Structures are given as C-alpha cells and as structure tokens.
N, C-alpha and C. Protein backbone atom coordinates (compact mmCIF):
# COMPACT_ATOMS: atom_id res chain seq x y z
N MET A 1 -36.54 -97.25 -18.90
CA MET A 1 -36.40 -96.65 -17.60
C MET A 1 -34.93 -96.70 -17.15
N ILE A 2 -34.24 -97.77 -17.48
CA ILE A 2 -32.83 -97.87 -17.10
C ILE A 2 -32.03 -96.77 -17.79
N ASP A 3 -32.28 -96.55 -19.06
CA ASP A 3 -31.56 -95.50 -19.79
C ASP A 3 -31.84 -94.12 -19.19
N PHE A 4 -33.08 -93.88 -18.80
CA PHE A 4 -33.43 -92.60 -18.18
C PHE A 4 -32.64 -92.42 -16.88
N MET A 5 -32.57 -93.45 -16.07
CA MET A 5 -31.80 -93.36 -14.83
C MET A 5 -30.31 -93.19 -15.13
N ARG A 6 -29.80 -93.98 -16.06
CA ARG A 6 -28.37 -93.98 -16.35
C ARG A 6 -27.89 -92.67 -16.97
N PHE A 7 -28.67 -92.13 -17.91
CA PHE A 7 -28.19 -90.98 -18.67
C PHE A 7 -28.75 -89.63 -18.21
N LYS A 8 -29.81 -89.63 -17.43
CA LYS A 8 -30.40 -88.37 -16.97
C LYS A 8 -30.27 -88.18 -15.45
N ILE A 9 -30.81 -89.13 -14.70
CA ILE A 9 -30.89 -88.97 -13.25
C ILE A 9 -29.54 -89.13 -12.57
N MET A 10 -28.82 -90.19 -12.86
CA MET A 10 -27.55 -90.46 -12.16
C MET A 10 -26.51 -89.37 -12.41
N PRO A 11 -26.32 -88.88 -13.65
CA PRO A 11 -25.37 -87.78 -13.85
C PRO A 11 -25.79 -86.50 -13.09
N LEU A 12 -27.08 -86.23 -13.06
CA LEU A 12 -27.57 -85.07 -12.32
C LEU A 12 -27.27 -85.21 -10.83
N LEU A 13 -27.49 -86.38 -10.30
CA LEU A 13 -27.19 -86.62 -8.88
C LEU A 13 -25.71 -86.44 -8.60
N ARG A 14 -24.86 -86.97 -9.47
CA ARG A 14 -23.41 -86.80 -9.28
C ARG A 14 -23.02 -85.33 -9.35
N THR A 15 -23.61 -84.60 -10.26
CA THR A 15 -23.30 -83.18 -10.41
C THR A 15 -23.58 -82.41 -9.12
N PHE A 16 -24.70 -82.72 -8.48
CA PHE A 16 -25.10 -82.00 -7.27
C PHE A 16 -24.72 -82.74 -5.99
N HIS A 17 -23.91 -83.79 -6.13
CA HIS A 17 -23.44 -84.57 -4.97
C HIS A 17 -24.60 -85.08 -4.13
N LEU A 18 -25.60 -85.63 -4.81
CA LEU A 18 -26.76 -86.20 -4.16
C LEU A 18 -26.76 -87.71 -4.36
N LYS A 19 -27.52 -88.40 -3.51
CA LYS A 19 -27.58 -89.85 -3.59
C LYS A 19 -29.02 -90.30 -3.33
N ILE A 20 -29.46 -91.31 -4.05
CA ILE A 20 -30.75 -91.93 -3.80
C ILE A 20 -30.50 -93.19 -2.98
N ASP A 21 -31.11 -93.26 -1.81
CA ASP A 21 -31.00 -94.46 -0.98
C ASP A 21 -32.14 -95.42 -1.25
N HIS A 22 -33.35 -94.88 -1.42
CA HIS A 22 -34.55 -95.68 -1.63
C HIS A 22 -35.36 -95.08 -2.76
N ILE A 23 -35.98 -95.94 -3.53
CA ILE A 23 -36.88 -95.48 -4.58
C ILE A 23 -38.17 -96.29 -4.49
N VAL A 24 -39.30 -95.60 -4.56
CA VAL A 24 -40.61 -96.24 -4.46
C VAL A 24 -41.21 -96.30 -5.86
N THR A 25 -41.61 -97.49 -6.26
CA THR A 25 -42.25 -97.67 -7.56
C THR A 25 -43.49 -98.54 -7.39
N ASN A 26 -44.32 -98.56 -8.43
CA ASN A 26 -45.46 -99.47 -8.39
C ASN A 26 -45.05 -100.80 -9.02
N LYS A 27 -45.94 -101.75 -8.98
CA LYS A 27 -45.61 -103.10 -9.46
C LYS A 27 -45.86 -103.28 -10.95
N SER A 28 -45.78 -102.20 -11.72
CA SER A 28 -45.98 -102.34 -13.16
C SER A 28 -44.78 -103.06 -13.77
N GLN A 29 -44.96 -103.57 -14.96
CA GLN A 29 -43.92 -104.35 -15.61
C GLN A 29 -42.68 -103.55 -15.95
N GLU A 30 -42.77 -102.22 -15.96
CA GLU A 30 -41.58 -101.41 -16.21
C GLU A 30 -40.59 -101.50 -15.06
N PHE A 31 -41.10 -101.78 -13.85
CA PHE A 31 -40.26 -101.72 -12.66
C PHE A 31 -40.05 -103.05 -11.96
N SER A 32 -40.90 -104.03 -12.19
CA SER A 32 -40.79 -105.27 -11.43
C SER A 32 -41.30 -106.44 -12.25
N THR A 33 -41.11 -107.62 -11.70
CA THR A 33 -41.60 -108.83 -12.35
C THR A 33 -42.55 -109.56 -11.42
N ALA A 34 -43.50 -110.28 -11.99
CA ALA A 34 -44.44 -111.05 -11.19
C ALA A 34 -43.95 -112.49 -11.02
N TRP A 35 -42.86 -112.83 -11.67
CA TRP A 35 -42.35 -114.19 -11.58
C TRP A 35 -41.78 -114.45 -10.19
N GLU A 36 -42.12 -115.59 -9.65
CA GLU A 36 -41.55 -115.97 -8.36
C GLU A 36 -40.05 -116.18 -8.54
N ARG A 37 -39.28 -115.58 -7.69
CA ARG A 37 -37.81 -115.60 -7.74
C ARG A 37 -37.26 -115.02 -9.04
N GLY A 38 -38.06 -114.23 -9.73
CA GLY A 38 -37.60 -113.61 -10.96
C GLY A 38 -36.92 -112.27 -10.68
N ASN A 39 -36.02 -111.90 -11.56
CA ASN A 39 -35.33 -110.61 -11.46
C ASN A 39 -35.74 -109.73 -12.62
N HIS A 40 -35.79 -108.45 -12.37
CA HIS A 40 -36.12 -107.48 -13.40
C HIS A 40 -34.86 -106.66 -13.66
N LYS A 41 -34.62 -106.28 -14.90
CA LYS A 41 -33.41 -105.53 -15.24
C LYS A 41 -33.33 -104.21 -14.48
N TYR A 42 -34.46 -103.56 -14.29
CA TYR A 42 -34.48 -102.28 -13.57
C TYR A 42 -34.08 -102.48 -12.11
N THR A 43 -34.63 -103.52 -11.48
CA THR A 43 -34.28 -103.83 -10.09
C THR A 43 -32.79 -104.18 -9.99
N ASP A 44 -32.30 -104.94 -10.94
CA ASP A 44 -30.87 -105.28 -10.96
C ASP A 44 -30.01 -104.04 -11.10
N TYR A 45 -30.42 -103.11 -11.97
CA TYR A 45 -29.68 -101.87 -12.15
C TYR A 45 -29.64 -101.06 -10.86
N LEU A 46 -30.79 -100.93 -10.20
CA LEU A 46 -30.84 -100.19 -8.95
C LEU A 46 -29.95 -100.83 -7.89
N HIS A 47 -29.98 -102.14 -7.84
CA HIS A 47 -29.13 -102.86 -6.87
C HIS A 47 -27.65 -102.56 -7.12
N LYS A 48 -27.24 -102.53 -8.37
CA LYS A 48 -25.84 -102.22 -8.71
C LYS A 48 -25.47 -100.79 -8.33
N GLN A 49 -26.48 -99.90 -8.27
CA GLN A 49 -26.25 -98.50 -7.89
C GLN A 49 -26.43 -98.29 -6.39
N ASN A 50 -26.61 -99.37 -5.64
CA ASN A 50 -26.85 -99.31 -4.18
C ASN A 50 -28.11 -98.53 -3.83
N ILE A 51 -29.15 -98.69 -4.64
CA ILE A 51 -30.44 -98.06 -4.40
C ILE A 51 -31.43 -99.15 -4.02
N ASN A 52 -32.07 -98.99 -2.87
CA ASN A 52 -33.06 -99.95 -2.41
C ASN A 52 -34.39 -99.67 -3.10
N SER A 53 -34.89 -100.66 -3.81
CA SER A 53 -36.16 -100.52 -4.52
C SER A 53 -37.29 -101.02 -3.63
N ILE A 54 -38.27 -100.16 -3.40
CA ILE A 54 -39.45 -100.51 -2.61
C ILE A 54 -40.63 -100.51 -3.56
N VAL A 55 -41.32 -101.64 -3.67
CA VAL A 55 -42.37 -101.81 -4.66
C VAL A 55 -43.71 -102.04 -3.97
N TYR A 56 -44.71 -101.26 -4.38
CA TYR A 56 -46.08 -101.40 -3.89
C TYR A 56 -47.01 -101.52 -5.09
N SER A 57 -48.15 -102.16 -4.88
CA SER A 57 -49.14 -102.15 -5.94
C SER A 57 -49.75 -100.74 -6.01
N ALA A 58 -50.24 -100.38 -7.15
CA ALA A 58 -50.71 -99.01 -7.39
C ALA A 58 -51.95 -98.65 -6.57
N ASP A 59 -52.59 -99.63 -5.96
CA ASP A 59 -53.81 -99.35 -5.20
C ASP A 59 -53.53 -99.03 -3.72
N HIS A 60 -52.36 -98.49 -3.43
CA HIS A 60 -52.01 -98.07 -2.07
C HIS A 60 -51.95 -96.54 -2.02
N PRO A 61 -53.10 -95.87 -1.86
CA PRO A 61 -53.09 -94.40 -1.86
C PRO A 61 -52.27 -93.81 -0.73
N GLU A 62 -52.14 -94.53 0.40
CA GLU A 62 -51.35 -93.99 1.51
C GLU A 62 -49.88 -93.88 1.15
N VAL A 63 -49.44 -94.61 0.14
CA VAL A 63 -48.05 -94.54 -0.33
C VAL A 63 -47.93 -93.51 -1.45
N PHE A 64 -48.79 -93.61 -2.44
CA PHE A 64 -48.62 -92.81 -3.65
C PHE A 64 -49.24 -91.42 -3.58
N GLN A 65 -50.25 -91.20 -2.78
CA GLN A 65 -50.87 -89.88 -2.68
C GLN A 65 -49.88 -88.82 -2.22
N PRO A 66 -49.10 -89.05 -1.14
CA PRO A 66 -48.11 -88.03 -0.76
C PRO A 66 -47.07 -87.78 -1.85
N LEU A 67 -46.69 -88.82 -2.58
CA LEU A 67 -45.72 -88.65 -3.67
C LEU A 67 -46.31 -87.81 -4.80
N HIS A 68 -47.58 -88.07 -5.13
CA HIS A 68 -48.24 -87.27 -6.17
C HIS A 68 -48.37 -85.82 -5.74
N GLU A 69 -48.71 -85.60 -4.48
CA GLU A 69 -48.83 -84.23 -3.98
C GLU A 69 -47.48 -83.52 -4.01
N PHE A 70 -46.42 -84.23 -3.64
CA PHE A 70 -45.08 -83.65 -3.66
C PHE A 70 -44.65 -83.28 -5.07
N THR A 71 -44.85 -84.18 -6.03
CA THR A 71 -44.47 -83.87 -7.41
C THR A 71 -45.33 -82.75 -7.98
N SER A 72 -46.58 -82.66 -7.53
CA SER A 72 -47.44 -81.56 -7.96
C SER A 72 -46.89 -80.22 -7.47
N VAL A 73 -46.44 -80.18 -6.23
CA VAL A 73 -45.84 -78.96 -5.69
C VAL A 73 -44.59 -78.59 -6.48
N LEU A 74 -43.75 -79.59 -6.78
CA LEU A 74 -42.54 -79.32 -7.58
C LEU A 74 -42.89 -78.77 -8.95
N MET A 75 -43.87 -79.38 -9.60
CA MET A 75 -44.27 -78.92 -10.93
C MET A 75 -44.80 -77.49 -10.87
N ASN A 76 -45.64 -77.20 -9.90
CA ASN A 76 -46.21 -75.86 -9.79
C ASN A 76 -45.17 -74.82 -9.42
N ARG A 77 -44.18 -75.21 -8.66
CA ARG A 77 -43.17 -74.25 -8.18
C ARG A 77 -42.06 -74.00 -9.20
N PHE A 78 -41.59 -75.06 -9.85
CA PHE A 78 -40.38 -74.94 -10.67
C PHE A 78 -40.60 -75.04 -12.17
N TYR A 79 -41.76 -75.50 -12.61
CA TYR A 79 -41.95 -75.70 -14.04
C TYR A 79 -43.12 -74.90 -14.58
N GLN A 80 -43.23 -73.66 -14.15
CA GLN A 80 -44.28 -72.80 -14.65
C GLN A 80 -43.83 -72.14 -15.95
N PRO A 81 -44.74 -72.02 -16.90
CA PRO A 81 -44.38 -71.32 -18.14
C PRO A 81 -44.15 -69.84 -17.86
N VAL A 82 -43.36 -69.21 -18.71
CA VAL A 82 -43.07 -67.79 -18.54
C VAL A 82 -44.30 -66.97 -18.89
N TRP A 83 -44.96 -67.28 -19.98
CA TRP A 83 -46.22 -66.63 -20.30
C TRP A 83 -47.02 -67.55 -21.18
N HIS A 84 -48.31 -67.25 -21.30
CA HIS A 84 -49.24 -68.10 -22.03
C HIS A 84 -49.85 -67.28 -23.16
N GLU A 85 -49.84 -67.84 -24.37
CA GLU A 85 -50.44 -67.17 -25.52
C GLU A 85 -51.33 -68.17 -26.23
N GLY A 86 -52.64 -67.99 -26.13
CA GLY A 86 -53.56 -68.95 -26.72
C GLY A 86 -53.42 -70.30 -26.04
N ASP A 87 -53.22 -71.33 -26.83
CA ASP A 87 -53.05 -72.67 -26.28
C ASP A 87 -51.59 -73.07 -26.19
N ARG A 88 -50.67 -72.17 -26.53
CA ARG A 88 -49.24 -72.51 -26.52
C ARG A 88 -48.56 -71.82 -25.36
N PHE A 89 -47.62 -72.51 -24.75
CA PHE A 89 -46.78 -71.91 -23.73
C PHE A 89 -45.48 -71.47 -24.39
N LEU A 90 -45.05 -70.28 -24.10
CA LEU A 90 -43.83 -69.75 -24.69
C LEU A 90 -42.80 -69.47 -23.59
N ARG A 91 -41.55 -69.61 -23.92
CA ARG A 91 -40.48 -69.28 -22.99
C ARG A 91 -39.77 -68.02 -23.44
N SER A 92 -39.33 -67.24 -22.49
CA SER A 92 -38.56 -66.06 -22.86
C SER A 92 -37.13 -66.48 -23.14
N ALA A 93 -36.45 -65.71 -23.97
CA ALA A 93 -35.08 -66.05 -24.34
C ALA A 93 -34.10 -65.67 -23.26
C-alpha cells in the first residue's frame, strides 16, 4: 500500500496540485496495527506526508457506505468500457 501511495497517488496529486488532508481506512492489517502503542508503516508514511489517518472498523456502514457509493459513481462515470464484445471489454485506439 505504501508503494501504491508513493508511486501512483502522490505523483498524481502533485501533478494536479491536489492534497490529501484526511484518509479513511478500515482496521485491516494493511492499514493499522492492533498492538497497543504500536505503529504501522502505512500510518507512519501518511504522517510523514502530513495526511491524517482516520481508522474505523469495517462494520461501520455509516462511514463506509457513502464512500462505496461515491467510488461507484466514479467508476460508472469515468471507467466505462468503450464497447463490449462477448465477455471481453475492448478499448478504441
């Protein structure tokens, strides 16, 4: 996840002069640690980038449902295939 942020997301944000102030994640092991007073590499990376990490357990639909709906709108709006042939999606050149 750190590599994805470092090599994909952060350069894209710099290109478009955007900034992430807060990021919401679930309490899975990819994003956080269950150890008392423990640090996670991902949380440390976000802190170094001045991004506030907000962590909820995955069973909070009031937090994650709006995020899922928002990403669904983005997917439907911006990532539609050009045309469909059988079971494969094709892109025009």
